[in-house]
Amino acid sequence: MRSRYSAFALAKVDYLLQTSAPEPHAIKERAQLEDSCNSTRWLALHILKSTENTVEFSAFYESDTDVQQLHECSTFERRDGRWIYVSGEFLPPLTFARNDPCWCRSGKKFKKCHGA
């Protein structure tokens, strides 16, 4: 999961396609991934829960000027010694109370950081 997050942040589209199922990928999917990578600035990844083949995470990103959140439970499969992304279920965004630590890990309370 962390390697795929890094690949999104660094726009490593080939790696994203190699670690995704089903194969082969359409040219349209490559173009969509390239557009997404180039228009998104990834800010933080929080792994919330994991099992042998699932990872629940929340990733924060900036698109244009808005900070948004992707909360997902991803399913992976082991193929030829490698973990492959199979599917993901979108979940409702996490919410933060005013006095919770900020999601960006600045050490500040949410209200004094991104909650303002």
PDB file of N, CA and C in Angstrom:
ATOM      1  N   MET A   1       0.824  -1.189   0.000  1.00  0.00           N
ATOM      2  CA  MET A   1       0.000   0.000   0.000  1.00  0.00           C
ATOM      3  C   MET A   1       0.865   1.249   0.000  1.00  0.00           C
ATOM      4  N   ARG A   2       1.859   1.275   0.860  1.00  0.00           N
ATOM      5  CA  ARG A   2       2.724   2.464   0.922  1.00  0.00           C
ATOM      6  C   ARG A   2       3.461   2.682  -0.398  1.00  0.00           C
ATOM      7  N   SER A   3       3.860   1.596  -1.042  1.00  0.00           N
ATOM      8  CA  SER A   3       4.578   1.757  -2.308  1.00  0.00           C
ATOM      9  C   SER A   3       3.660   2.327  -3.383  1.00  0.00           C
ATOM     10  N   ARG A   4       2.395   1.943  -3.374  1.00  0.00           N
ATOM     11  CA  ARG A   4       1.451   2.489  -4.363  1.00  0.00           C
ATOM     12  C   ARG A   4       1.164   3.965  -4.067  1.00  0.00           C
ATOM     13  N   TYR A   5       1.041   4.316  -2.789  1.00  0.00           N
ATOM     14  CA  TYR A   5       0.854   5.731  -2.435  1.00  0.00           C
ATOM     15  C   TYR A   5       2.048   6.547  -2.958  1.00  0.00           C
ATOM     16  N   SER A   6       3.262   6.056  -2.704  1.00  0.00           N
ATOM     17  CA  SER A   6       4.459   6.748  -3.188  1.00  0.00           C
ATOM     18  C   SER A   6       4.463   6.850  -4.706  1.00  0.00           C
ATOM     19  N   ALA A   7       4.014   5.795  -5.378  1.00  0.00           N
ATOM     20  CA  ALA A   7       3.958   5.816  -6.840  1.00  0.00           C
ATOM     21  C   ALA A   7       2.971   6.876  -7.335  1.00  0.00           C
ATOM     22  N   PHE A   8       1.830   7.019  -6.654  1.00  0.00           N
ATOM     23  CA  PHE A   8       0.897   8.090  -7.020  1.00  0.00           C
ATOM     24  C   PHE A   8       1.555   9.451  -6.815  1.00  0.00           C
ATOM     25  N   ALA A   9       2.216   9.634  -5.679  1.00  0.00           N
ATOM     26  CA  ALA A   9       2.837  10.919  -5.367  1.00  0.00           C
ATOM     27  C   ALA A   9       3.956  11.272  -6.339  1.00  0.00           C
ATOM     28  N   LEU A  10       4.678  10.259  -6.817  1.00  0.00           N
ATOM     29  CA  LEU A  10       5.802  10.485  -7.722  1.00  0.00           C
ATOM     30  C   LEU A  10       5.448  10.284  -9.191  1.00  0.00           C
ATOM     31  N   ALA A  11       4.157  10.055  -9.471  1.00  0.00           N
ATOM     32  CA  ALA A  11       3.654   9.855 -10.834  1.00  0.00           C
ATOM     33  C   ALA A  11       4.343   8.686 -11.538  1.00  0.00           C
ATOM     34  N   LYS A  12       4.534   7.585 -10.829  1.00  0.00           N
ATOM     35  CA  LYS A  12       5.133   6.366 -11.397  1.00  0.00           C
ATOM     36  C   LYS A  12       4.010   5.485 -11.955  1.00  0.00           C
ATOM     37  N   VAL A  13       3.489   5.882 -13.093  1.00  0.00           N
ATOM     38  CA  VAL A  13       2.327   5.234 -13.693  1.00  0.00           C
ATOM     39  C   VAL A  13       2.619   3.780 -14.061  1.00  0.00           C
ATOM     40  N   ASP A  14       3.805   3.491 -14.583  1.00  0.00           N
ATOM     41  CA  ASP A  14       4.141   2.104 -14.936  1.00  0.00           C
ATOM     42  C   ASP A  14       4.038   1.194 -13.716  1.00  0.00           C
ATOM     43  N   TYR A  15       4.554   1.638 -12.575  1.00  0.00           N
ATOM     44  CA  TYR A  15       4.489   0.836 -11.353  1.00  0.00           C
ATOM     45  C   TYR A  15       3.033   0.622 -10.930  1.00  0.00           C
ATOM     46  N   LEU A  16       2.230   1.671 -11.011  1.00  0.00           N
ATOM     47  CA  LEU A  16       0.814   1.549 -10.641  1.00  0.00           C
ATOM     48  C   LEU A  16       0.107   0.524 -11.518  1.00  0.00           C
ATOM     49  N   LEU A  17       0.400   0.538 -12.800  1.00  0.00           N
ATOM     50  CA  LEU A  17      -0.212  -0.427 -13.717  1.00  0.00           C
ATOM     51  C   LEU A  17       0.299  -1.845 -13.470  1.00  0.00           C
ATOM     52  N   GLN A  18       1.591  -1.979 -13.155  1.00  0.00           N
ATOM     53  CA  GLN A  18       2.177  -3.304 -12.903  1.00  0.00           C
ATOM     54  C   GLN A  18       1.656  -3.933 -11.611  1.00  0.00           C
ATOM     55  N   THR A  19       1.225  -3.109 -10.677  1.00  0.00           N
ATOM     56  CA  THR A  19       0.766  -3.623  -9.385  1.00  0.00           C
ATOM     57  C   THR A  19      -0.751  -3.561  -9.255  1.00  0.00           C
ATOM     58  N   SER A  20      -1.444  -3.513 -10.387  1.00  0.00           N
ATOM     59  CA  SER A  20      -2.905  -3.492 -10.413  1.00  0.00           C
ATOM     60  C   SER A  20      -3.432  -4.669 -11.222  1.00  0.00           C
ATOM     61  N   ALA A  21      -4.596  -5.146 -10.856  1.00  0.00           N
ATOM     62  CA  ALA A  21      -5.302  -6.173 -11.625  1.00  0.00           C
ATOM     63  C   ALA A  21      -6.547  -5.505 -12.187  1.00  0.00           C
ATOM     64  N   PRO A  22      -7.149  -5.896 -13.234  1.00  0.00           N
ATOM     65  CA  PRO A  22      -6.727  -6.961 -14.148  1.00  0.00           C
ATOM     66  C   PRO A  22      -5.743  -6.435 -15.183  1.00  0.00           C
ATOM     67  N   GLU A  23      -5.012  -7.332 -15.781  1.00  0.00           N
ATOM     68  CA  GLU A  23      -4.074  -6.984 -16.827  1.00  0.00           C
ATOM     69  C   GLU A  23      -4.631  -7.513 -18.155  1.00  0.00           C
ATOM     70  N   PRO A  24      -4.279  -7.012 -19.296  1.00  0.00           N
ATOM     71  CA  PRO A  24      -3.498  -5.800 -19.516  1.00  0.00           C
ATOM     72  C   PRO A  24      -4.363  -4.545 -19.370  1.00  0.00           C
ATOM     73  N   HIS A  25      -3.726  -3.433 -19.201  1.00  0.00           N
ATOM     74  CA  HIS A  25      -4.445  -2.180 -18.979  1.00  0.00           C
ATOM     75  C   HIS A  25      -4.652  -1.426 -20.290  1.00  0.00           C
ATOM     76  N   ALA A  26      -5.759  -0.771 -20.353  1.00  0.00           N
ATOM     77  CA  ALA A  26      -6.092  -0.007 -21.556  1.00  0.00           C
ATOM     78  C   ALA A  26      -5.293   1.296 -21.595  1.00  0.00           C
ATOM     79  N   ILE A  27      -5.080   1.783 -22.800  1.00  0.00           N
ATOM     80  CA  ILE A  27      -4.389   3.063 -22.985  1.00  0.00           C
ATOM     81  C   ILE A  27      -5.161   4.172 -22.274  1.00  0.00           C
ATOM     82  N   LYS A  28      -6.474   4.080 -22.290  1.00  0.00           N
ATOM     83  CA  LYS A  28      -7.315   5.082 -21.630  1.00  0.00           C
ATOM     84  C   LYS A  28      -7.020   5.127 -20.130  1.00  0.00           C
ATOM     85  N   GLU A  29      -6.823   3.955 -19.512  1.00  0.00           N
ATOM     86  CA  GLU A  29      -6.532   3.910 -18.082  1.00  0.00           C
ATOM     87  C   GLU A  29      -5.184   4.570 -17.790  1.00  0.00           C
ATOM     88  N   ARG A  30      -4.185   4.345 -18.633  1.00  0.00           N
ATOM     89  CA  ARG A  30      -2.877   4.964 -18.464  1.00  0.00           C
ATOM     90  C   ARG A  30      -3.015   6.487 -18.524  1.00  0.00           C
ATOM     91  N   ALA A  31      -3.755   6.965 -19.503  1.00  0.00           N
ATOM     92  CA  ALA A  31      -3.937   8.414 -19.650  1.00  0.00           C
ATOM     93  C   ALA A  31      -4.650   9.010 -18.439  1.00  0.00           C
ATOM     94  N   GLN A  32      -5.657   8.297 -17.926  1.00  0.00           N
ATOM     95  CA  GLN A  32      -6.378   8.775 -16.736  1.00  0.00           C
ATOM     96  C   GLN A  32      -5.452   8.822 -15.525  1.00  0.00           C
ATOM     97  N   LEU A  33      -4.616   7.799 -15.351  1.00  0.00           N
ATOM     98  CA  LEU A  33      -3.664   7.787 -14.235  1.00  0.00           C
ATOM     99  C   LEU A  33      -2.655   8.930 -14.358  1.00  0.00           C
ATOM    100  N   GLU A  34      -2.150   9.156 -15.564  1.00  0.00           N
ATOM    101  CA  GLU A  34      -1.201  10.247 -15.773  1.00  0.00           C
ATOM    102  C   GLU A  34      -1.831  11.592 -15.447  1.00  0.00           C
ATOM    103  N   ASP A  35      -3.052  11.807 -15.904  1.00  0.00           N
ATOM    104  CA  ASP A  35      -3.760  13.057 -15.598  1.00  0.00           C
ATOM    105  C   ASP A  35      -3.960  13.218 -14.096  1.00  0.00           C
ATOM    106  N   SER A  36      -4.383  12.154 -13.443  1.00  0.00           N
ATOM    107  CA  SER A  36      -4.618  12.197 -11.999  1.00  0.00           C
ATOM    108  C   SER A  36      -3.325  12.509 -11.242  1.00  0.00           C
ATOM    109  N   CYS A  37      -2.251  11.827 -11.593  1.00  0.00           N
ATOM    110  CA  CYS A  37      -0.964  12.047 -10.920  1.00  0.00           C
ATOM    111  C   CYS A  37      -0.460  13.473 -11.117  1.00  0.00           C
ATOM    112  N   ASN A  38      -0.659  13.995 -12.307  1.00  0.00           N
ATOM    113  CA  ASN A  38      -0.155  15.336 -12.609  1.00  0.00           C
ATOM    114  C   ASN A  38      -1.007  16.457 -12.029  1.00  0.00           C
ATOM    115  N   SER A  39      -2.244  16.163 -11.675  1.00  0.00           N
ATOM    116  CA  SER A  39      -3.117  17.215 -11.146  1.00  0.00           C
ATOM    117  C   SER A  39      -3.342  17.105  -9.634  1.00  0.00           C
ATOM    118  N   THR A  40      -2.661  16.161  -8.996  1.00  0.00           N
ATOM    119  CA  THR A  40      -2.878  15.908  -7.574  1.00  0.00           C
ATOM    120  C   THR A  40      -1.567  15.995  -6.817  1.00  0.00           C
ATOM    121  N   ARG A  41      -1.606  16.659  -5.680  1.00  0.00           N
ATOM    122  CA  ARG A  41      -0.446  16.712  -4.779  1.00  0.00           C
ATOM    123  C   ARG A  41      -0.810  15.939  -3.518  1.00  0.00           C
ATOM    124  N   TRP A  42      -0.163  14.790  -3.313  1.00  0.00           N
ATOM    125  CA  TRP A  42      -0.460  13.941  -2.161  1.00  0.00           C
ATOM    126  C   TRP A  42       0.224  14.494  -0.928  1.00  0.00           C
ATOM    127  N   LEU A  43      -0.508  14.557   0.183  1.00  0.00           N
ATOM    128  CA  LEU A  43      -0.027  15.222   1.392  1.00  0.00           C
ATOM    129  C   LEU A  43       0.247  14.284   2.564  1.00  0.00           C
ATOM    130  N   ALA A  44      -0.566  13.254   2.742  1.00  0.00           N
ATOM    131  CA  ALA A  44      -0.398  12.370   3.903  1.00  0.00           C
ATOM    132  C   ALA A  44      -1.121  11.055   3.681  1.00  0.00           C
ATOM    133  N   LEU A  45      -0.550   9.999   4.245  1.00  0.00           N
ATOM    134  CA  LEU A  45      -1.160   8.679   4.214  1.00  0.00           C
ATOM    135  C   LEU A  45      -1.242   8.158   5.633  1.00  0.00           C
ATOM    136  N   HIS A  46      -2.422   7.688   6.017  1.00  0.00           N
ATOM    137  CA  HIS A  46      -2.635   7.080   7.326  1.00  0.00           C
ATOM    138  C   HIS A  46      -3.178   5.674   7.109  1.00  0.00           C
ATOM    139  N   ILE A  47      -2.420   4.670   7.527  1.00  0.00           N
ATOM    140  CA  ILE A  47      -2.899   3.293   7.488  1.00  0.00           C
ATOM    141  C   ILE A  47      -3.716   3.090   8.759  1.00  0.00           C
ATOM    142  N   LEU A  48      -4.992   2.766   8.606  1.00  0.00           N
ATOM    143  CA  LEU A  48      -5.895   2.663   9.742  1.00  0.00           C
ATOM    144  C   LEU A  48      -6.040   1.237  10.258  1.00  0.00           C
ATOM    145  N   LYS A  49      -6.055   0.274   9.331  1.00  0.00           N
ATOM    146  CA  LYS A  49      -6.250  -1.123   9.714  1.00  0.00           C
ATOM    147  C   LYS A  49      -5.773  -1.987   8.554  1.00  0.00           C
ATOM    148  N   SER A  50      -5.196  -3.143   8.898  1.00  0.00           N
ATOM    149  CA  SER A  50      -4.791  -4.045   7.823  1.00  0.00           C
ATOM    150  C   SER A  50      -4.937  -5.496   8.274  1.00  0.00           C
ATOM    151  N   THR A  51      -5.194  -6.343   7.285  1.00  0.00           N
ATOM    152  CA  THR A  51      -5.206  -7.787   7.482  1.00  0.00           C
ATOM    153  C   THR A  51      -4.209  -8.348   6.474  1.00  0.00           C
ATOM    154  N   GLU A  52      -4.234  -9.648   6.289  1.00  0.00           N
ATOM    155  CA  GLU A  52      -3.275 -10.244   5.357  1.00  0.00           C
ATOM    156  C   GLU A  52      -3.414  -9.684   3.946  1.00  0.00           C
ATOM    157  N   ASN A  53      -4.660  -9.426   3.500  1.00  0.00           N
ATOM    158  CA  ASN A  53      -4.826  -8.967   2.114  1.00  0.00           C
ATOM    159  C   ASN A  53      -5.694  -7.711   1.965  1.00  0.00           C
ATOM    160  N   THR A  54      -5.994  -7.019   3.053  1.00  0.00           N
ATOM    161  CA  THR A  54      -6.733  -5.755   2.953  1.00  0.00           C
ATOM    162  C   THR A  54      -6.025  -4.658   3.735  1.00  0.00           C
ATOM    163  N   VAL A  55      -6.194  -3.441   3.263  1.00  0.00           N
ATOM    164  CA  VAL A  55      -5.649  -2.273   3.947  1.00  0.00           C
ATOM    165  C   VAL A  55      -6.706  -1.181   3.933  1.00  0.00           C
ATOM    166  N   GLU A  56      -7.088  -0.721   5.126  1.00  0.00           N
ATOM    167  CA  GLU A  56      -7.952   0.456   5.220  1.00  0.00           C
ATOM    168  C   GLU A  56      -7.032   1.639   5.455  1.00  0.00           C
ATOM    169  N   PHE A  57      -7.197   2.660   4.623  1.00  0.00           N
ATOM    170  CA  PHE A  57      -6.331   3.828   4.729  1.00  0.00           C
ATOM    171  C   PHE A  57      -7.115   5.100   4.468  1.00  0.00           C
ATOM    172  N   SER A  58      -6.506   6.186   4.861  1.00  0.00           N
ATOM    173  CA  SER A  58      -7.018   7.510   4.538  1.00  0.00           C
ATOM    174  C   SER A  58      -5.840   8.299   3.975  1.00  0.00           C
ATOM    175  N   ALA A  59      -6.013   8.832   2.779  1.00  0.00           N
ATOM    176  CA  ALA A  59      -4.958   9.613   2.133  1.00  0.00           C
ATOM    177  C   ALA A  59      -5.492  11.016   1.874  1.00  0.00           C
ATOM    178  N   PHE A  60      -4.674  11.991   2.174  1.00  0.00           N
ATOM    179  CA  PHE A  60      -5.061  13.388   1.990  1.00  0.00           C
ATOM    180  C   PHE A  60      -4.287  13.951   0.807  1.00  0.00           C
ATOM    181  N   TYR A  61      -4.997  14.717  -0.008  1.00  0.00           N
ATOM    182  CA  TYR A  61      -4.385  15.258  -1.212  1.00  0.00           C
ATOM    183  C   TYR A  61      -4.956  16.629  -1.525  1.00  0.00           C
ATOM    184  N   GLU A  62      -4.196  17.351  -2.339  1.00  0.00           N
ATOM    185  CA  GLU A  62      -4.616  18.681  -2.759  1.00  0.00           C
ATOM    186  C   GLU A  62      -4.838  18.649  -4.263  1.00  0.00           C
ATOM    187  N   SER A  63      -6.014  19.083  -4.648  1.00  0.00           N
ATOM    188  CA  SER A  63      -6.367  19.191  -6.046  1.00  0.00           C
ATOM    189  C   SER A  63      -6.866  20.613  -6.232  1.00  0.00           C
ATOM    190  N   ASP A  64      -6.252  21.363  -7.109  1.00  0.00           N
ATOM    191  CA  ASP A  64      -6.463  22.806  -7.209  1.00  0.00           C
ATOM    192  C   ASP A  64      -6.025  23.416  -5.881  1.00  0.00           C
ATOM    193  N   THR A  65      -6.939  23.981  -5.110  1.00  0.00           N
ATOM    194  CA  THR A  65      -6.544  24.575  -3.831  1.00  0.00           C
ATOM    195  C   THR A  65      -7.222  23.896  -2.651  1.00  0.00           C
ATOM    196  N   ASP A  66      -8.057  22.905  -2.918  1.00  0.00           N
ATOM    197  CA  ASP A  66      -8.787  22.230  -1.853  1.00  0.00           C
ATOM    198  C   ASP A  66      -8.058  20.989  -1.371  1.00  0.00           C
ATOM    199  N   VAL A  67      -8.030  20.789  -0.046  1.00  0.00           N
ATOM    200  CA  VAL A  67      -7.524  19.548   0.522  1.00  0.00           C
ATOM    201  C   VAL A  67      -8.698  18.587   0.596  1.00  0.00           C
ATOM    202  N   GLN A  68      -8.480  17.389   0.063  1.00  0.00           N
ATOM    203  CA  GLN A  68      -9.529  16.371   0.047  1.00  0.00           C
ATOM    204  C   GLN A  68      -8.983  15.087   0.652  1.00  0.00           C
ATOM    205  N   GLN A  69      -9.880  14.143   0.859  1.00  0.00           N
ATOM    206  CA  GLN A  69      -9.509  12.897   1.516  1.00  0.00           C
ATOM    207  C   GLN A  69     -10.038  11.697   0.734  1.00  0.00           C
ATOM    208  N   LEU A  70      -9.215  10.680   0.630  1.00  0.00           N
ATOM    209  CA  LEU A  70      -9.617   9.407   0.059  1.00  0.00           C
ATOM    210  C   LEU A  70      -9.550   8.385   1.189  1.00  0.00           C
ATOM    211  N   HIS A  71     -10.698   7.864   1.576  1.00  0.00           N
ATOM    212  CA  HIS A  71     -10.781   6.842   2.626  1.00  0.00           C
ATOM    213  C   HIS A  71     -11.253   5.579   1.924  1.00  0.00           C
ATOM    214  N   GLU A  72     -10.436   4.535   1.976  1.00  0.00           N
ATOM    215  CA  GLU A  72     -10.714   3.339   1.188  1.00  0.00           C
ATOM    216  C   GLU A  72     -10.264   2.087   1.931  1.00  0.00           C
ATOM    217  N   CYS A  73     -10.922   0.992   1.631  1.00  0.00           N
ATOM    218  CA  CYS A  73     -10.460  -0.323   2.048  1.00  0.00           C
ATOM    219  C   CYS A  73     -10.050  -1.046   0.764  1.00  0.00           C
ATOM    220  N   SER A  74      -8.751  -1.271   0.607  1.00  0.00           N
ATOM    221  CA  SER A  74      -8.204  -1.889  -0.598  1.00  0.00           C
ATOM    222  C   SER A  74      -7.971  -3.376  -0.380  1.00  0.00           C
ATOM    223  N   THR A  75      -8.205  -4.142  -1.424  1.00  0.00           N
ATOM    224  CA  THR A  75      -7.959  -5.576  -1.388  1.00  0.00           C
ATOM    225  C   THR A  75      -6.796  -5.901  -2.316  1.00  0.00           C
ATOM    226  N   PHE A  76      -5.883  -6.722  -1.815  1.00  0.00           N
ATOM    227  CA  PHE A  76      -4.697  -7.129  -2.562  1.00  0.00           C
ATOM    228  C   PHE A  76      -4.669  -8.642  -2.686  1.00  0.00           C
ATOM    229  N   GLU A  77      -3.948  -9.114  -3.708  1.00  0.00           N
ATOM    230  CA  GLU A  77      -3.781 -10.543  -3.958  1.00  0.00           C
ATOM    231  C   GLU A  77      -2.301 -10.812  -4.199  1.00  0.00           C
ATOM    232  N   ARG A  78      -1.811 -11.913  -3.683  1.00  0.00           N
ATOM    233  CA  ARG A  78      -0.404 -12.287  -3.888  1.00  0.00           C
ATOM    234  C   ARG A  78      -0.299 -13.069  -5.193  1.00  0.00           C
ATOM    235  N   ARG A  79       0.503 -12.555  -6.139  1.00  0.00           N
ATOM    236  CA  ARG A  79       0.706 -13.214  -7.437  1.00  0.00           C
ATOM    237  C   ARG A  79       2.199 -13.234  -7.748  1.00  0.00           C
ATOM    238  N   ASP A  80       2.717 -14.403  -7.972  1.00  0.00           N
ATOM    239  CA  ASP A  80       4.147 -14.552  -8.305  1.00  0.00           C
ATOM    240  C   ASP A  80       5.042 -13.798  -7.328  1.00  0.00           C
ATOM    241  N   GLY A  81       4.701 -13.883  -6.043  1.00  0.00           N
ATOM    242  CA  GLY A  81       5.526 -13.252  -5.013  1.00  0.00           C
ATOM    243  C   GLY A  81       5.328 -11.756  -4.848  1.00  0.00           C
ATOM    244  N   ARG A  82       4.383 -11.178  -5.571  1.00  0.00           N
ATOM    245  CA  ARG A  82       4.134  -9.726  -5.490  1.00  0.00           C
ATOM    246  C   ARG A  82       2.700  -9.472  -5.073  1.00  0.00           C
ATOM    247  N   TRP A  83       2.478  -8.385  -4.327  1.00  0.00           N
ATOM    248  CA  TRP A  83       1.125  -7.982  -3.952  1.00  0.00           C
ATOM    249  C   TRP A  83       0.550  -7.127  -5.068  1.00  0.00           C
ATOM    250  N   ILE A  84      -0.647  -7.483  -5.504  1.00  0.00           N
ATOM    251  CA  ILE A  84      -1.332  -6.803  -6.606  1.00  0.00           C
ATOM    252  C   ILE A  84      -2.633  -6.203  -6.071  1.00  0.00           C
ATOM    253  N   TYR A  85      -2.879  -4.928  -6.406  1.00  0.00           N
ATOM    254  CA  TYR A  85      -4.128  -4.263  -6.038  1.00  0.00           C
ATOM    255  C   TYR A  85      -5.255  -4.849  -6.877  1.00  0.00           C
ATOM    256  N   VAL A  86      -6.305  -5.340  -6.192  1.00  0.00           N
ATOM    257  CA  VAL A  86      -7.416  -5.976  -6.889  1.00  0.00           C
ATOM    258  C   VAL A  86      -8.633  -5.059  -6.947  1.00  0.00           C
ATOM    259  N   SER A  87      -8.993  -4.477  -5.810  1.00  0.00           N
ATOM    260  CA  SER A  87     -10.174  -3.620  -5.784  1.00  0.00           C
ATOM    261  C   SER A  87     -10.135  -2.728  -4.542  1.00  0.00           C
ATOM    262  N   GLY A  88     -11.029  -1.757  -4.541  1.00  0.00           N
ATOM    263  CA  GLY A  88     -11.129  -0.862  -3.395  1.00  0.00           C
ATOM    264  C   GLY A  88     -12.567  -0.465  -3.156  1.00  0.00           C
ATOM    265  N   GLU A  89     -12.903  -0.350  -1.888  1.00  0.00           N
ATOM    266  CA  GLU A  89     -14.238   0.112  -1.497  1.00  0.00           C
ATOM    267  C   GLU A  89     -14.085   1.492  -0.858  1.00  0.00           C
ATOM    268  N   PHE A  90     -14.720   2.496  -1.472  1.00  0.00           N
ATOM    269  CA  PHE A  90     -14.669   3.841  -0.913  1.00  0.00           C
ATOM    270  C   PHE A  90     -15.498   3.898   0.356  1.00  0.00           C
ATOM    271  N   LEU A  91     -14.961   4.566   1.358  1.00  0.00           N
ATOM    272  CA  LEU A  91     -15.615   4.714   2.648  1.00  0.00           C
ATOM    273  C   LEU A  91     -15.858   6.197   2.911  1.00  0.00           C
ATOM    274  N   PRO A  92     -16.783   6.524   3.837  1.00  0.00           N
ATOM    275  CA  PRO A  92     -17.013   7.933   4.155  1.00  0.00           C
ATOM    276  C   PRO A  92     -15.734   8.571   4.706  1.00  0.00           C
ATOM    277  N   PRO A  93     -15.516   9.853   4.425  1.00  0.00           N
ATOM    278  CA  PRO A  93     -14.321  10.536   4.927  1.00  0.00           C
ATOM    279  C   PRO A  93     -14.278  10.510   6.454  1.00  0.00           C
ATOM    280  N   LEU A  94     -13.054  10.459   6.976  1.00  0.00           N
ATOM    281  CA  LEU A  94     -12.878  10.572   8.420  1.00  0.00           C
ATOM    282  C   LEU A  94     -13.197  12.002   8.836  1.00  0.00           C
ATOM    283  N   THR A  95     -13.704  12.156  10.033  1.00  0.00           N
ATOM    284  CA  THR A  95     -13.966  13.505  10.544  1.00  0.00           C
ATOM    285  C   THR A  95     -13.043  13.763  11.729  1.00  0.00           C
ATOM    286  N   PHE A  96     -12.759  15.022  11.955  1.00  0.00           N
ATOM    287  CA  PHE A  96     -11.849  15.428  13.019  1.00  0.00           C
ATOM    288  C   PHE A  96     -12.530  16.464  13.891  1.00  0.00           C
ATOM    289  N   ALA A  97     -12.479  16.244  15.187  1.00  0.00           N
ATOM    290  CA  ALA A  97     -12.996  17.239  16.138  1.00  0.00           C
ATOM    291  C   ALA A  97     -11.978  18.370  16.244  1.00  0.00           C
ATOM    292  N   ARG A  98     -12.436  19.501  16.686  1.00  0.00           N
ATOM    293  CA  ARG A  98     -11.578  20.690  16.757  1.00  0.00           C
ATOM    294  C   ARG A  98     -10.279  20.453  17.529  1.00  0.00           C
ATOM    295  N   ASN A  99     -10.345  19.691  18.603  1.00  0.00           N
ATOM    296  CA  ASN A  99      -9.167  19.491  19.447  1.00  0.00           C
ATOM    297  C   ASN A  99      -8.373  18.220  19.139  1.00  0.00           C
ATOM    298  N   ASP A 100      -8.766  17.490  18.091  1.00  0.00           N
ATOM    299  CA  ASP A 100      -7.995  16.323  17.657  1.00  0.00           C
ATOM    300  C   ASP A 100      -6.683  16.783  17.037  1.00  0.00           C
ATOM    301  N   PRO A 101      -5.667  15.920  17.069  1.00  0.00           N
ATOM    302  CA  PRO A 101      -4.444  16.254  16.331  1.00  0.00           C
ATOM    303  C   PRO A 101      -4.768  16.376  14.845  1.00  0.00           C
ATOM    304  N   CYS A 102      -4.115  17.295  14.165  1.00  0.00           N
ATOM    305  CA  CYS A 102      -4.374  17.496  12.738  1.00  0.00           C
ATOM    306  C   CYS A 102      -3.889  16.285  11.946  1.00  0.00           C
ATOM    307  N   TRP A 103      -4.591  15.980  10.861  1.00  0.00           N
ATOM    308  CA  TRP A 103      -4.256  14.852  10.007  1.00  0.00           C
ATOM    309  C   TRP A 103      -2.870  14.988   9.377  1.00  0.00           C
ATOM    310  N   CYS A 104      -2.346  16.206   9.271  1.00  0.00           N
ATOM    311  CA  CYS A 104      -1.063  16.421   8.592  1.00  0.00           C
ATOM    312  C   CYS A 104       0.139  16.131   9.489  1.00  0.00           C
ATOM    313  N   ARG A 105      -0.153  15.806  10.745  1.00  0.00           N
ATOM    314  CA  ARG A 105       0.891  15.465  11.728  1.00  0.00           C
ATOM    315  C   ARG A 105       1.811  16.632  12.046  1.00  0.00           C
ATOM    316  N   SER A 106       1.259  17.829  12.016  1.00  0.00           N
ATOM    317  CA  SER A 106       2.043  19.024  12.343  1.00  0.00           C
ATOM    318  C   SER A 106       2.300  19.142  13.838  1.00  0.00           C
ATOM    319  N   GLY A 107       1.532  18.391  14.632  1.00  0.00           N
ATOM    320  CA  GLY A 107       1.630  18.519  16.091  1.00  0.00           C
ATOM    321  C   GLY A 107       0.632  19.513  16.636  1.00  0.00           C
ATOM    322  N   LYS A 108      -0.072  20.210  15.753  1.00  0.00           N
ATOM    323  CA  LYS A 108      -1.074  21.186  16.167  1.00  0.00           C
ATOM    324  C   LYS A 108      -2.440  20.530  16.258  1.00  0.00           C
ATOM    325  N   LYS A 109      -3.332  21.169  16.978  1.00  0.00           N
ATOM    326  CA  LYS A 109      -4.719  20.726  17.000  1.00  0.00           C
ATOM    327  C   LYS A 109      -5.338  21.042  15.640  1.00  0.00           C
ATOM    328  N   PHE A 110      -6.324  20.244  15.259  1.00  0.00           N
ATOM    329  CA  PHE A 110      -6.986  20.405  13.971  1.00  0.00           C
ATOM    330  C   PHE A 110      -7.500  21.830  13.782  1.00  0.00           C
ATOM    331  N   LYS A 111      -8.099  22.404  14.832  1.00  0.00           N
ATOM    332  CA  LYS A 111      -8.686  23.755  14.730  1.00  0.00           C
ATOM    333  C   LYS A 111      -7.636  24.814  14.436  1.00  0.00           C
ATOM    334  N   LYS A 112      -6.395  24.596  14.848  1.00  0.00           N
ATOM    335  CA  LYS A 112      -5.331  25.585  14.658  1.00  0.00           C
ATOM    336  C   LYS A 112      -4.532  25.337  13.378  1.00  0.00           C
ATOM    337  N   CYS A 113      -4.858  24.253  12.690  1.00  0.00           N
ATOM    338  CA  CYS A 113      -4.088  23.884  11.499  1.00  0.00           C
ATOM    339  C   CYS A 113      -5.015  23.878  10.270  1.00  0.00           C
ATOM    340  N   HIS A 114      -5.426  22.710   9.817  1.00  0.00           N
ATOM    341  CA  HIS A 114      -6.258  22.601   8.623  1.00  0.00           C
ATOM    342  C   HIS A 114      -7.748  22.766   8.907  1.00  0.00           C
ATOM    343  N   GLY A 115      -8.129  22.884  10.152  1.00  0.00           N
ATOM    344  CA  GLY A 115      -9.532  23.065  10.482  1.00  0.00           C
ATOM    345  C   GLY A 115      -9.970  24.510  10.500  1.00  0.00           C
ATOM    346  N   ALA A 116      -9.026  25.386  10.302  1.00  0.00           N
ATOM    347  CA  ALA A 116      -9.328  26.837  10.350  1.00  0.00           C
ATOM    348  C   ALA A 116     -10.106  27.285   9.133  1.00  0.00           C
TER     349      ALA A 116
END
